[in-house]
């Protein structure tokens, strides 16, 4: 039941009853950041402004939806832990189960926004819109992008057309899939792109859709945040010219259940490293080949390496950080390499 403040006119009350109910969960990041002057677009402190001030800074939100906010955490996103992911995921699930919530917006730092969006896309069993949003400039900067990004996020979260499309990201007027969107550049407002293009656009609060996600997500996912208590340790090792096996051995010794090989090109593995990865796989550690190609890598099975022979997994089109997210979630269900490969094809 929607509780209206005293003094609200009948017309206003009728309008509020017609609007969608959207909850904004704040986690920190640049969108909640502040700089010393308006000229500071890249030099600032993230996670300074609380959710109430964020909402108050965009009064136009009241025309889009009945909005309320919660401060789930207040940190820069590079510091988000697996425990933070689980905490956020559980709160999203609670809200999604609530009959008086129509959509959820999550304000988030941009550094790991793509990881959180993909995690939620895998584990939230709801068709209600979940939109993750951030900004590339703090609210104190000239031409700050956070206000419009948040406005667009609420517009999408409150729209019936966004239901069933998985977790979404609204940045720079575009609606992106949380599965495959990535931060491609760190200094421009058009920072987030997908190799496969946006799902749609937001113009003056109205959504325009052009494509749908093809991979399994949310309601169609076999994973459920309510059944996940902890996430297994999965780490990433970066490959480059003259690479050694030092990082791989160190990660294994530190207890990694799986190692994402962030390879060059088609997930290529240096001849210096192959014997070590073979040995680690025999020790029970999953080896998952990904690519750190900037604009979108695509790893083919049994192409650069004989994956069947070595019992390795390929990450398909997922970049290393997204491959890590899927590997963690998948390992809560299975440690069978063939099942893991199926999951990487389907999600």
C-alpha atoms as a PDB file:
ATOM      1  CA  UNK A   1       0.000   0.000   0.000  1.00  0.00           C
ATOM      2  CA  UNK A   2       1.363   3.423  -0.971  1.00  0.00           C
ATOM      3  CA  UNK A   3       1.391   5.827   1.977  1.00  0.00           C
ATOM      4  CA  UNK A   4       0.910   9.445   0.954  1.00  0.00           C
ATOM      5  CA  UNK A   5       2.141  12.410   2.989  1.00  0.00           C
ATOM      6  CA  UNK A   6      -0.466  14.686   4.557  1.00  0.00           C
ATOM      7  CA  UNK A   7      -1.339  17.681   2.459  1.00  0.00           C
ATOM      8  CA  UNK A   8      -1.097  15.812  -0.858  1.00  0.00           C
ATOM      9  CA  UNK A   9      -3.863  16.895  -3.227  1.00  0.00           C
ATOM     10  CA  UNK A  10      -6.266  14.386  -4.752  1.00  0.00           C
ATOM     11  CA  UNK A  11      -4.742  15.001  -8.194  1.00  0.00           C
ATOM     12  CA  UNK A  12      -1.216  14.409  -6.886  1.00  0.00           C
ATOM     13  CA  UNK A  13      -2.372  11.308  -5.051  1.00  0.00           C
ATOM     14  CA  UNK A  14      -3.931   9.934  -8.230  1.00  0.00           C
ATOM     15  CA  UNK A  15      -0.724  10.600 -10.183  1.00  0.00           C
ATOM     16  CA  UNK A  16       1.419   8.834  -7.559  1.00  0.00           C
ATOM     17  CA  UNK A  17      -0.882   5.831  -7.601  1.00  0.00           C
ATOM     18  CA  UNK A  18      -0.367   5.536 -11.366  1.00  0.00           C
ATOM     19  CA  UNK A  19       3.437   5.775 -11.212  1.00  0.00           C
ATOM     20  CA  UNK A  20       5.692   2.768 -10.784  1.00  0.00           C
ATOM     21  CA  UNK A  21       7.411   2.249  -7.429  1.00  0.00           C
ATOM     22  CA  UNK A  22      11.197   2.247  -7.874  1.00  0.00           C
ATOM     23  CA  UNK A  23      13.783   1.657  -5.152  1.00  0.00           C
ATOM     24  CA  UNK A  24      17.289   3.063  -5.604  1.00  0.00           C
ATOM     25  CA  UNK A  25      20.021   1.087  -3.847  1.00  0.00           C
ATOM     26  CA  UNK A  26      23.166   3.177  -3.415  1.00  0.00           C
ATOM     27  CA  UNK A  27      26.621   1.605  -3.175  1.00  0.00           C
ATOM     28  CA  UNK A  28      28.902   4.616  -3.694  1.00  0.00           C
ATOM     29  CA  UNK A  29      31.169   5.286  -6.660  1.00  0.00           C
ATOM     30  CA  UNK A  30      31.790   8.354  -8.815  1.00  0.00           C
ATOM     31  CA  UNK A  31      28.081   9.083  -9.114  1.00  0.00           C
ATOM     32  CA  UNK A  32      28.281   9.785  -5.371  1.00  0.00           C
ATOM     33  CA  UNK A  33      31.646  11.539  -5.663  1.00  0.00           C
ATOM     34  CA  UNK A  34      32.813  15.106  -5.110  1.00  0.00           C
ATOM     35  CA  UNK A  35      35.767  17.127  -6.386  1.00  0.00           C
ATOM     36  CA  UNK A  36      37.491  20.228  -5.053  1.00  0.00           C
ATOM     37  CA  UNK A  37      36.227  22.371  -7.947  1.00  0.00           C
ATOM     38  CA  UNK A  38      33.918  22.212 -10.952  1.00  0.00           C
ATOM     39  CA  UNK A  39      36.991  21.747 -13.158  1.00  0.00           C
ATOM     40  CA  UNK A  40      37.802  18.418 -11.485  1.00  0.00           C
ATOM     41  CA  UNK A  41      36.213  15.808 -13.732  1.00  0.00           C
ATOM     42  CA  UNK A  42      38.884  13.147 -13.149  1.00  0.00           C
ATOM     43  CA  UNK A  43      40.406  14.157  -9.808  1.00  0.00           C
ATOM     44  CA  UNK A  44      37.895  13.675  -6.997  1.00  0.00           C
ATOM     45  CA  UNK A  45      36.890  11.454  -4.103  1.00  0.00           C
ATOM     46  CA  UNK A  46      34.333   8.762  -4.844  1.00  0.00           C
ATOM     47  CA  UNK A  47      31.555   7.617  -2.503  1.00  0.00           C
ATOM     48  CA  UNK A  48      30.985  10.893  -0.627  1.00  0.00           C
ATOM     49  CA  UNK A  49      27.341  11.795  -1.300  1.00  0.00           C
ATOM     50  CA  UNK A  50      24.499   9.862   0.341  1.00  0.00           C
ATOM     51  CA  UNK A  51      21.464   8.498  -1.466  1.00  0.00           C
ATOM     52  CA  UNK A  52      19.074  11.147  -0.108  1.00  0.00           C
ATOM     53  CA  UNK A  53      21.178  13.936  -1.617  1.00  0.00           C
ATOM     54  CA  UNK A  54      21.488  12.019  -4.882  1.00  0.00           C
ATOM     55  CA  UNK A  55      17.716  11.741  -5.196  1.00  0.00           C
ATOM     56  CA  UNK A  56      17.182  15.346  -4.108  1.00  0.00           C
ATOM     57  CA  UNK A  57      19.599  16.436  -6.842  1.00  0.00           C
ATOM     58  CA  UNK A  58      17.248  15.111  -9.532  1.00  0.00           C
ATOM     59  CA  UNK A  59      13.773  16.441  -8.593  1.00  0.00           C
ATOM     60  CA  UNK A  60      12.467  15.393 -12.021  1.00  0.00           C
ATOM     61  CA  UNK A  61      12.495  11.769 -10.812  1.00  0.00           C
ATOM     62  CA  UNK A  62       9.152  12.372  -9.102  1.00  0.00           C
ATOM     63  CA  UNK A  63       7.494  12.666 -12.513  1.00  0.00           C
ATOM     64  CA  UNK A  64       8.831   9.259 -13.552  1.00  0.00           C
ATOM     65  CA  UNK A  65       8.187   7.085 -10.498  1.00  0.00           C
ATOM     66  CA  UNK A  66       7.546   6.954  -6.776  1.00  0.00           C
ATOM     67  CA  UNK A  67      11.177   6.780  -5.718  1.00  0.00           C
ATOM     68  CA  UNK A  68      12.763   5.880  -2.406  1.00  0.00           C
ATOM     69  CA  UNK A  69      16.397   5.154  -1.636  1.00  0.00           C
ATOM     70  CA  UNK A  70      18.534   2.900   0.551  1.00  0.00           C
ATOM     71  CA  UNK A  71      22.234   3.226   1.301  1.00  0.00           C
ATOM     72  CA  UNK A  72      23.429  -0.386   1.035  1.00  0.00           C
ATOM     73  CA  UNK A  73      27.115   0.535   1.208  1.00  0.00           C
ATOM     74  CA  UNK A  74      29.291   3.561   0.490  1.00  0.00           C
ATOM     75  CA  UNK A  75      32.513   2.491  -1.224  1.00  0.00           C
ATOM     76  CA  UNK A  76      34.462   2.955  -4.430  1.00  0.00           C
ATOM     77  CA  UNK A  77      33.676  -0.028  -6.639  1.00  0.00           C
ATOM     78  CA  UNK A  78      37.274  -1.233  -6.984  1.00  0.00           C
ATOM     79  CA  UNK A  79      36.977  -2.200  -3.308  1.00  0.00           C
ATOM     80  CA  UNK A  80      33.800  -4.274  -3.663  1.00  0.00           C
ATOM     81  CA  UNK A  81      34.289  -7.799  -2.306  1.00  0.00           C
ATOM     82  CA  UNK A  82      32.484 -11.083  -2.900  1.00  0.00           C
ATOM     83  CA  UNK A  83      30.711 -10.507   0.423  1.00  0.00           C
ATOM     84  CA  UNK A  84      29.518  -7.109  -0.844  1.00  0.00           C
ATOM     85  CA  UNK A  85      28.188  -8.780  -4.000  1.00  0.00           C
ATOM     86  CA  UNK A  86      26.241 -11.290  -1.927  1.00  0.00           C
ATOM     87  CA  UNK A  87      24.922  -8.574   0.393  1.00  0.00           C
ATOM     88  CA  UNK A  88      23.688  -6.506  -2.538  1.00  0.00           C
ATOM     89  CA  UNK A  89      22.264  -9.538  -4.343  1.00  0.00           C
ATOM     90  CA  UNK A  90      20.254 -10.602  -1.310  1.00  0.00           C
ATOM     91  CA  UNK A  91      18.791  -7.133  -0.821  1.00  0.00           C
ATOM     92  CA  UNK A  92      17.834  -6.946  -4.495  1.00  0.00           C
ATOM     93  CA  UNK A  93      16.078 -10.320  -4.178  1.00  0.00           C
ATOM     94  CA  UNK A  94      14.149  -9.149  -1.105  1.00  0.00           C
ATOM     95  CA  UNK A  95      12.951  -6.048  -2.913  1.00  0.00           C
ATOM     96  CA  UNK A  96      12.105  -7.986  -6.069  1.00  0.00           C
ATOM     97  CA  UNK A  97       9.848 -10.237  -3.972  1.00  0.00           C
ATOM     98  CA  UNK A  98       7.985  -7.217  -2.603  1.00  0.00           C
ATOM     99  CA  UNK A  99       4.621  -6.539  -4.219  1.00  0.00           C
ATOM    100  CA  UNK A 100       5.005  -2.782  -3.821  1.00  0.00           C
ATOM    101  CA  UNK A 101       8.290  -2.639  -5.765  1.00  0.00           C
ATOM    102  CA  UNK A 102       8.092  -2.460  -9.569  1.00  0.00           C
ATOM    103  CA  UNK A 103      11.738  -1.828 -10.395  1.00  0.00           C
ATOM    104  CA  UNK A 104      15.166  -1.494  -8.810  1.00  0.00           C
ATOM    105  CA  UNK A 105      18.021   0.897  -9.608  1.00  0.00           C
ATOM    106  CA  UNK A 106      21.540   0.385  -8.236  1.00  0.00           C
ATOM    107  CA  UNK A 107      23.962   3.315  -8.234  1.00  0.00           C
ATOM    108  CA  UNK A 108      27.471   1.942  -8.522  1.00  0.00           C
ATOM    109  CA  UNK A 109      31.066   2.906  -9.187  1.00  0.00           C
ATOM    110  CA  UNK A 110      32.075   2.306 -12.788  1.00  0.00           C
ATOM    111  CA  UNK A 111      35.283   0.327 -12.194  1.00  0.00           C
ATOM    112  CA  UNK A 112      33.480  -2.944 -11.401  1.00  0.00           C
ATOM    113  CA  UNK A 113      29.965  -1.990 -12.481  1.00  0.00           C
ATOM    114  CA  UNK A 114      30.083  -4.552 -15.296  1.00  0.00           C
ATOM    115  CA  UNK A 115      30.947  -7.322 -12.821  1.00  0.00           C
ATOM    116  CA  UNK A 116      28.096  -6.520 -10.428  1.00  0.00           C
ATOM    117  CA  UNK A 117      25.608  -6.187 -13.288  1.00  0.00           C
ATOM    118  CA  UNK A 118      26.579  -9.598 -14.664  1.00  0.00           C
ATOM    119  CA  UNK A 119      26.473 -11.208 -11.218  1.00  0.00           C
ATOM    120  CA  UNK A 120      22.926  -9.950 -10.643  1.00  0.00           C
ATOM    121  CA  UNK A 121      21.968 -11.041 -14.162  1.00  0.00           C
ATOM    122  CA  UNK A 122      22.939 -14.597 -13.195  1.00  0.00           C
ATOM    123  CA  UNK A 123      21.394 -14.904  -9.730  1.00  0.00           C
ATOM    124  CA  UNK A 124      18.262 -12.729  -9.450  1.00  0.00           C
ATOM    125  CA  UNK A 125      15.095 -14.778 -10.078  1.00  0.00           C
ATOM    126  CA  UNK A 126      12.789 -11.978 -11.156  1.00  0.00           C
ATOM    127  CA  UNK A 127      11.481 -10.409 -14.340  1.00  0.00           C
ATOM    128  CA  UNK A 128      11.252  -6.980 -12.696  1.00  0.00           C
ATOM    129  CA  UNK A 129      13.638  -4.413 -14.177  1.00  0.00           C
ATOM    130  CA  UNK A 130      16.995  -4.160 -12.397  1.00  0.00           C
ATOM    131  CA  UNK A 131      19.120  -1.282 -13.679  1.00  0.00           C
ATOM    132  CA  UNK A 132      22.719  -0.619 -12.658  1.00  0.00           C
ATOM    133  CA  UNK A 133      23.949   2.923 -13.228  1.00  0.00           C
ATOM    134  CA  UNK A 134      26.961   5.092 -12.521  1.00  0.00           C
ATOM    135  CA  UNK A 135      28.716   8.148 -13.849  1.00  0.00           C
ATOM    136  CA  UNK A 136      32.107   9.040 -15.251  1.00  0.00           C
ATOM    137  CA  UNK A 137      32.199  12.464 -13.578  1.00  0.00           C
ATOM    138  CA  UNK A 138      31.298  13.479 -10.024  1.00  0.00           C
ATOM    139  CA  UNK A 139      28.214  15.616  -9.474  1.00  0.00           C
ATOM    140  CA  UNK A 140      30.422  18.611  -8.647  1.00  0.00           C
ATOM    141  CA  UNK A 141      32.054  18.652 -12.114  1.00  0.00           C
ATOM    142  CA  UNK A 142      31.067  20.715 -15.114  1.00  0.00           C
ATOM    143  CA  UNK A 143      28.933  18.643 -17.515  1.00  0.00           C
ATOM    144  CA  UNK A 144      28.417  15.977 -14.862  1.00  0.00           C
ATOM    145  CA  UNK A 145      26.674  12.934 -16.346  1.00  0.00           C
ATOM    146  CA  UNK A 146      25.304  11.342 -13.183  1.00  0.00           C
ATOM    147  CA  UNK A 147      21.977  13.217 -13.027  1.00  0.00           C
ATOM    148  CA  UNK A 148      20.887  12.217 -16.527  1.00  0.00           C
ATOM    149  CA  UNK A 149      22.173   8.660 -16.130  1.00  0.00           C
ATOM    150  CA  UNK A 150      20.149   8.284 -12.910  1.00  0.00           C
ATOM    151  CA  UNK A 151      17.089   9.861 -14.526  1.00  0.00           C
ATOM    152  CA  UNK A 152      17.341   7.399 -17.411  1.00  0.00           C
ATOM    153  CA  UNK A 153      17.858   4.474 -15.034  1.00  0.00           C
ATOM    154  CA  UNK A 154      14.688   5.284 -13.094  1.00  0.00           C
ATOM    155  CA  UNK A 155      12.778   5.751 -16.354  1.00  0.00           C
ATOM    156  CA  UNK A 156      13.848   2.277 -17.525  1.00  0.00           C
ATOM    157  CA  UNK A 157      13.294   0.612 -14.138  1.00  0.00           C
ATOM    158  CA  UNK A 158       9.781   2.003 -13.974  1.00  0.00           C
ATOM    159  CA  UNK A 159       8.780   0.938 -17.482  1.00  0.00           C
ATOM    160  CA  UNK A 160       6.829  -2.228 -18.214  1.00  0.00           C
ATOM    161  CA  UNK A 161       8.806  -2.675 -21.449  1.00  0.00           C
ATOM    162  CA  UNK A 162      11.986  -3.365 -19.463  1.00  0.00           C
ATOM    163  CA  UNK A 163      10.542  -6.426 -17.722  1.00  0.00           C
ATOM    164  CA  UNK A 164      12.087  -9.758 -18.590  1.00  0.00           C
ATOM    165  CA  UNK A 165      15.144  -8.317 -20.335  1.00  0.00           C
ATOM    166  CA  UNK A 166      17.645  -9.192 -17.609  1.00  0.00           C
ATOM    167  CA  UNK A 167      19.804  -6.781 -15.643  1.00  0.00           C
ATOM    168  CA  UNK A 168      20.404  -3.572 -17.566  1.00  0.00           C
ATOM    169  CA  UNK A 169      22.952  -0.749 -17.527  1.00  0.00           C
ATOM    170  CA  UNK A 170      21.988   2.800 -18.519  1.00  0.00           C
ATOM    171  CA  UNK A 171      24.950   5.012 -19.321  1.00  0.00           C
ATOM    172  CA  UNK A 172      25.357   7.808 -21.871  1.00  0.00           C
ATOM    173  CA  UNK A 173      21.725   7.527 -23.094  1.00  0.00           C
ATOM    174  CA  UNK A 174      22.163   3.842 -24.010  1.00  0.00           C
ATOM    175  CA  UNK A 175      20.479   0.761 -22.531  1.00  0.00           C
ATOM    176  CA  UNK A 176      23.041  -2.025 -22.356  1.00  0.00           C
ATOM    177  CA  UNK A 177      22.799  -5.653 -21.278  1.00  0.00           C
ATOM    178  CA  UNK A 178      24.502  -6.270 -17.943  1.00  0.00           C
ATOM    179  CA  UNK A 179      25.902  -9.477 -19.428  1.00  0.00           C
ATOM    180  CA  UNK A 180      28.208  -8.091 -22.077  1.00  0.00           C
ATOM    181  CA  UNK A 181      28.631  -4.376 -21.435  1.00  0.00           C
ATOM    182  CA  UNK A 182      32.139  -3.327 -20.364  1.00  0.00           C
ATOM    183  CA  UNK A 183      34.005  -0.188 -19.426  1.00  0.00           C
ATOM    184  CA  UNK A 184      36.050   0.496 -22.554  1.00  0.00           C
ATOM    185  CA  UNK A 185      37.632   3.826 -21.597  1.00  0.00           C
ATOM    186  CA  UNK A 186      38.076   5.564 -18.269  1.00  0.00           C
ATOM    187  CA  UNK A 187      38.080   9.261 -19.160  1.00  0.00           C
ATOM    188  CA  UNK A 188      35.011   9.815 -21.372  1.00  0.00           C
ATOM    189  CA  UNK A 189      31.294   9.737 -20.638  1.00  0.00           C
ATOM    190  CA  UNK A 190      30.794   7.246 -23.480  1.00  0.00           C
ATOM    191  CA  UNK A 191      32.768   4.709 -21.500  1.00  0.00           C
ATOM    192  CA  UNK A 192      30.485   1.659 -21.546  1.00  0.00           C
ATOM    193  CA  UNK A 193      30.088  -0.414 -24.677  1.00  0.00           C
ATOM    194  CA  UNK A 194      29.230  -3.947 -25.710  1.00  0.00           C
ATOM    195  CA  UNK A 195      30.847  -5.751 -28.616  1.00  0.00           C
ATOM    196  CA  UNK A 196      27.295  -6.666 -29.661  1.00  0.00           C
ATOM    197  CA  UNK A 197      25.780  -3.193 -29.368  1.00  0.00           C
ATOM    198  CA  UNK A 198      23.188  -1.631 -27.037  1.00  0.00           C
ATOM    199  CA  UNK A 199      19.715  -3.047 -26.443  1.00  0.00           C
ATOM    200  CA  UNK A 200      18.172   0.380 -26.855  1.00  0.00           C
ATOM    201  CA  UNK A 201      18.235   4.077 -26.049  1.00  0.00           C
ATOM    202  CA  UNK A 202      16.622   6.436 -23.561  1.00  0.00           C
ATOM    203  CA  UNK A 203      15.516   9.825 -24.877  1.00  0.00           C
ATOM    204  CA  UNK A 204      13.822  12.312 -22.534  1.00  0.00           C
ATOM    205  CA  UNK A 205      12.712   9.563 -20.199  1.00  0.00           C
ATOM    206  CA  UNK A 206      11.287   7.285 -22.894  1.00  0.00           C
ATOM    207  CA  UNK A 207      12.862   3.912 -23.739  1.00  0.00           C
ATOM    208  CA  UNK A 208      13.354   2.705 -27.307  1.00  0.00           C
ATOM    209  CA  UNK A 209      14.273  -0.985 -27.727  1.00  0.00           C
ATOM    210  CA  UNK A 210      16.037  -2.586 -30.697  1.00  0.00           C
ATOM    211  CA  UNK A 211      17.254  -6.037 -29.619  1.00  0.00           C
ATOM    212  CA  UNK A 212      16.918  -8.628 -26.849  1.00  0.00           C
ATOM    213  CA  UNK A 213      19.502 -10.652 -24.879  1.00  0.00           C
ATOM    214  CA  UNK A 214      20.063 -14.122 -26.357  1.00  0.00           C
ATOM    215  CA  UNK A 215      21.808 -15.698 -23.355  1.00  0.00           C
ATOM    216  CA  UNK A 216      20.118 -17.152 -20.263  1.00  0.00           C
ATOM    217  CA  UNK A 217      19.487 -14.736 -17.403  1.00  0.00           C
ATOM    218  CA  UNK A 218      17.400 -13.992 -14.295  1.00  0.00           C
ATOM    219  CA  UNK A 219      14.171 -16.029 -14.463  1.00  0.00           C
ATOM    220  CA  UNK A 220      15.713 -18.529 -16.906  1.00  0.00           C
ATOM    221  CA  UNK A 221      18.908 -18.940 -14.863  1.00  0.00           C
ATOM    222  CA  UNK A 222      19.720 -22.122 -12.949  1.00  0.00           C
ATOM    223  CA  UNK A 223      21.363 -20.006 -10.235  1.00  0.00           C
ATOM    224  CA  UNK A 224      19.562 -18.332  -7.332  1.00  0.00           C
ATOM    225  CA  UNK A 225      21.048 -15.821  -4.896  1.00  0.00           C
ATOM    226  CA  UNK A 226      18.870 -17.335  -2.144  1.00  0.00           C
ATOM    227  CA  UNK A 227      20.798 -20.587  -2.472  1.00  0.00           C
ATOM    228  CA  UNK A 228      24.307 -19.086  -2.490  1.00  0.00           C
ATOM    229  CA  UNK A 229      25.955 -18.555   0.900  1.00  0.00           C
ATOM    230  CA  UNK A 230      29.555 -18.039  -0.235  1.00  0.00           C
ATOM    231  CA  UNK A 231      31.431 -17.623  -3.504  1.00  0.00           C
ATOM    232  CA  UNK A 232      34.496 -19.793  -4.225  1.00  0.00           C
ATOM    233  CA  UNK A 233      37.865 -18.169  -4.825  1.00  0.00           C
ATOM    234  CA  UNK A 234      38.486 -17.526  -8.520  1.00  0.00           C
ATOM    235  CA  UNK A 235      41.406 -15.392  -9.666  1.00  0.00           C
ATOM    236  CA  UNK A 236      42.752 -13.922 -12.895  1.00  0.00           C
ATOM    237  CA  UNK A 237      46.284 -14.196 -14.320  1.00  0.00           C
ATOM    238  CA  UNK A 238      47.219 -11.754 -17.088  1.00  0.00           C
ATOM    239  CA  UNK A 239      49.231 -12.948 -20.057  1.00  0.00           C
ATOM    240  CA  UNK A 240      51.696 -10.880 -22.127  1.00  0.00           C
ATOM    241  CA  UNK A 241      54.946 -11.240 -24.019  1.00  0.00           C
ATOM    242  CA  UNK A 242      57.690 -12.975 -22.005  1.00  0.00           C
ATOM    243  CA  UNK A 243      55.139 -14.073 -19.383  1.00  0.00           C
ATOM    244  CA  UNK A 244      56.231 -16.567 -16.716  1.00  0.00           C
ATOM    245  CA  UNK A 245      54.175 -19.029 -14.694  1.00  0.00           C
ATOM    246  CA  UNK A 246      54.809 -17.200 -11.403  1.00  0.00           C
ATOM    247  CA  UNK A 247      51.339 -15.653 -11.058  1.00  0.00           C
ATOM    248  CA  UNK A 248      49.543 -18.914 -11.863  1.00  0.00           C
ATOM    249  CA  UNK A 249      51.502 -20.838  -9.229  1.00  0.00           C
ATOM    250  CA  UNK A 250      50.970 -18.107  -6.645  1.00  0.00           C
ATOM    251  CA  UNK A 251      47.217 -17.988  -7.224  1.00  0.00           C
ATOM    252  CA  UNK A 252      46.975 -21.767  -6.980  1.00  0.00           C
ATOM    253  CA  UNK A 253      48.996 -21.773  -3.766  1.00  0.00           C
ATOM    254  CA  UNK A 254      46.680 -19.082  -2.353  1.00  0.00           C
ATOM    255  CA  UNK A 255      43.702 -21.402  -2.773  1.00  0.00           C
ATOM    256  CA  UNK A 256      42.119 -20.523  -6.116  1.00  0.00           C
ATOM    257  CA  UNK A 257      39.497 -23.074  -7.200  1.00  0.00           C
ATOM    258  CA  UNK A 258      39.720 -21.769 -10.759  1.00  0.00           C
ATOM    259  CA  UNK A 259      42.125 -19.517 -12.636  1.00  0.00           C
ATOM    260  CA  UNK A 260      40.985 -17.284 -15.459  1.00  0.00           C
ATOM    261  CA  UNK A 261      43.767 -17.080 -18.030  1.00  0.00           C
ATOM    262  CA  UNK A 262      43.495 -13.543 -19.440  1.00  0.00           C
ATOM    263  CA  UNK A 263      45.199 -14.405 -22.676  1.00  0.00           C
ATOM    264  CA  UNK A 264      46.265 -12.484 -25.735  1.00  0.00           C
ATOM    265  CA  UNK A 265      44.240 -12.852 -28.937  1.00  0.00           C
ATOM    266  CA  UNK A 266      42.131 -16.007 -28.955  1.00  0.00           C
ATOM    267  CA  UNK A 267      42.971 -16.758 -25.314  1.00  0.00           C
ATOM    268  CA  UNK A 268      46.449 -17.816 -26.383  1.00  0.00           C
ATOM    269  CA  UNK A 269      48.713 -19.504 -23.818  1.00  0.00           C
ATOM    270  CA  UNK A 270      52.486 -19.072 -23.881  1.00  0.00           C
ATOM    271  CA  UNK A 271      54.555 -22.240 -24.237  1.00  0.00           C
ATOM    272  CA  UNK A 272      56.245 -21.146 -20.982  1.00  0.00           C
ATOM    273  CA  UNK A 273      52.932 -21.488 -19.149  1.00  0.00           C
ATOM    274  CA  UNK A 274      51.236 -24.523 -20.761  1.00  0.00           C
ATOM    275  CA  UNK A 275      53.011 -27.173 -18.609  1.00  0.00           C
ATOM    276  CA  UNK A 276      52.095 -25.325 -15.409  1.00  0.00           C
ATOM    277  CA  UNK A 277      48.431 -25.014 -16.398  1.00  0.00           C
ATOM    278  CA  UNK A 278      48.349 -28.710 -17.273  1.00  0.00           C
ATOM    279  CA  UNK A 279      49.772 -29.556 -13.847  1.00  0.00           C
ATOM    280  CA  UNK A 280      47.347 -27.233 -12.038  1.00  0.00           C
ATOM    281  CA  UNK A 281      44.406 -28.837 -13.841  1.00  0.00           C
ATOM    282  CA  UNK A 282      45.603 -32.287 -12.723  1.00  0.00           C
ATOM    283  CA  UNK A 283      45.635 -30.874  -9.176  1.00  0.00           C
ATOM    284  CA  UNK A 284      41.910 -30.086  -9.506  1.00  0.00           C
ATOM    285  CA  UNK A 285      42.060 -26.383 -10.370  1.00  0.00           C
ATOM    286  CA  UNK A 286      39.816 -25.333 -13.253  1.00  0.00           C
ATOM    287  CA  UNK A 287      41.638 -23.513 -16.076  1.00  0.00           C
ATOM    288  CA  UNK A 288      39.446 -21.106 -18.055  1.00  0.00           C
ATOM    289  CA  UNK A 289      40.836 -19.393 -21.140  1.00  0.00           C
ATOM    290  CA  UNK A 290      39.627 -15.837 -21.765  1.00  0.00           C
ATOM    291  CA  UNK A 291      40.954 -12.938 -23.830  1.00  0.00           C
ATOM    292  CA  UNK A 292      42.022  -9.459 -22.752  1.00  0.00           C
ATOM    293  CA  UNK A 293      41.548  -8.000 -26.252  1.00  0.00           C
ATOM    294  CA  UNK A 294      40.297  -4.469 -25.575  1.00  0.00           C
ATOM    295  CA  UNK A 295      37.188  -4.209 -27.730  1.00  0.00           C
ATOM    296  CA  UNK A 296      35.922  -7.740 -27.194  1.00  0.00           C
ATOM    297  CA  UNK A 297      37.730 -11.060 -27.339  1.00  0.00           C
ATOM    298  CA  UNK A 298      36.174 -14.286 -28.584  1.00  0.00           C
ATOM    299  CA  UNK A 299      37.783 -17.545 -27.503  1.00  0.00           C
ATOM    300  CA  UNK A 300      37.168 -20.603 -29.655  1.00  0.00           C
ATOM    301  CA  UNK A 301      37.424 -24.043 -28.106  1.00  0.00           C
ATOM    302  CA  UNK A 302      40.281 -26.233 -29.380  1.00  0.00           C
ATOM    303  CA  UNK A 303      41.622 -23.448 -31.600  1.00  0.00           C
ATOM    304  CA  UNK A 304      44.706 -21.919 -29.965  1.00  0.00           C
ATOM    305  CA  UNK A 305      44.960 -24.796 -27.502  1.00  0.00           C
ATOM    306  CA  UNK A 306      43.678 -28.423 -27.417  1.00  0.00           C
ATOM    307  CA  UNK A 307      41.131 -27.748 -24.668  1.00  0.00           C
ATOM    308  CA  UNK A 308      39.575 -31.206 -24.906  1.00  0.00           C
ATOM    309  CA  UNK A 309      42.964 -32.827 -24.392  1.00  0.00           C
ATOM    310  CA  UNK A 310      43.939 -30.589 -21.461  1.00  0.00           C
ATOM    311  CA  UNK A 311      40.432 -30.545 -19.932  1.00  0.00           C
ATOM    312  CA  UNK A 312      40.314 -26.746 -19.986  1.00  0.00           C
ATOM    313  CA  UNK A 313      37.288 -24.453 -20.356  1.00  0.00           C
ATOM    314  CA  UNK A 314      36.917 -21.480 -22.709  1.00  0.00           C
ATOM    315  CA  UNK A 315      35.126 -18.270 -21.721  1.00  0.00           C
ATOM    316  CA  UNK A 316      33.450 -17.711 -25.104  1.00  0.00           C
ATOM    317  CA  UNK A 317      33.014 -13.913 -25.479  1.00  0.00           C
ATOM    318  CA  UNK A 318      33.283 -13.064 -21.771  1.00  0.00           C
ATOM    319  CA  UNK A 319      36.208 -10.858 -20.796  1.00  0.00           C
ATOM    320  CA  UNK A 320      38.379 -12.040 -17.881  1.00  0.00           C
ATOM    321  CA  UNK A 321      36.509 -10.144 -15.160  1.00  0.00           C
ATOM    322  CA  UNK A 322      33.116 -11.373 -16.364  1.00  0.00           C
ATOM    323  CA  UNK A 323      34.493 -14.903 -16.781  1.00  0.00           C
ATOM    324  CA  UNK A 324      35.538 -14.747 -13.137  1.00  0.00           C
ATOM    325  CA  UNK A 325      31.987 -13.836 -12.089  1.00  0.00           C
ATOM    326  CA  UNK A 326      30.420 -16.703 -14.043  1.00  0.00           C
ATOM    327  CA  UNK A 327      33.055 -19.167 -12.826  1.00  0.00           C
ATOM    328  CA  UNK A 328      32.389 -18.269  -9.184  1.00  0.00           C
ATOM    329  CA  UNK A 329      28.638 -18.645  -9.580  1.00  0.00           C
ATOM    330  CA  UNK A 330      28.956 -21.856 -11.611  1.00  0.00           C
ATOM    331  CA  UNK A 331      31.314 -23.437  -9.072  1.00  0.00           C
ATOM    332  CA  UNK A 332      28.605 -23.127  -6.419  1.00  0.00           C
ATOM    333  CA  UNK A 333      26.777 -25.830  -8.427  1.00  0.00           C
ATOM    334  CA  UNK A 334      29.430 -27.976 -10.094  1.00  0.00           C
ATOM    335  CA  UNK A 335      33.153 -28.629 -10.424  1.00  0.00           C
ATOM    336  CA  UNK A 336      32.779 -30.717 -13.564  1.00  0.00           C
ATOM    337  CA  UNK A 337      34.649 -29.123 -16.474  1.00  0.00           C
ATOM    338  CA  UNK A 338      32.118 -30.290 -19.074  1.00  0.00           C
ATOM    339  CA  UNK A 339      29.278 -28.755 -17.077  1.00  0.00           C
ATOM    340  CA  UNK A 340      31.289 -25.568 -16.652  1.00  0.00           C
ATOM    341  CA  UNK A 341      31.805 -25.381 -20.428  1.00  0.00           C
ATOM    342  CA  UNK A 342      28.054 -25.827 -20.987  1.00  0.00           C
ATOM    343  CA  UNK A 343      27.409 -22.971 -18.580  1.00  0.00           C
ATOM    344  CA  UNK A 344      29.895 -20.718 -20.376  1.00  0.00           C
ATOM    345  CA  UNK A 345      28.136 -21.426 -23.702  1.00  0.00           C
ATOM    346  CA  UNK A 346      24.663 -20.742 -22.286  1.00  0.00           C
ATOM    347  CA  UNK A 347      25.259 -17.648 -20.132  1.00  0.00           C
END
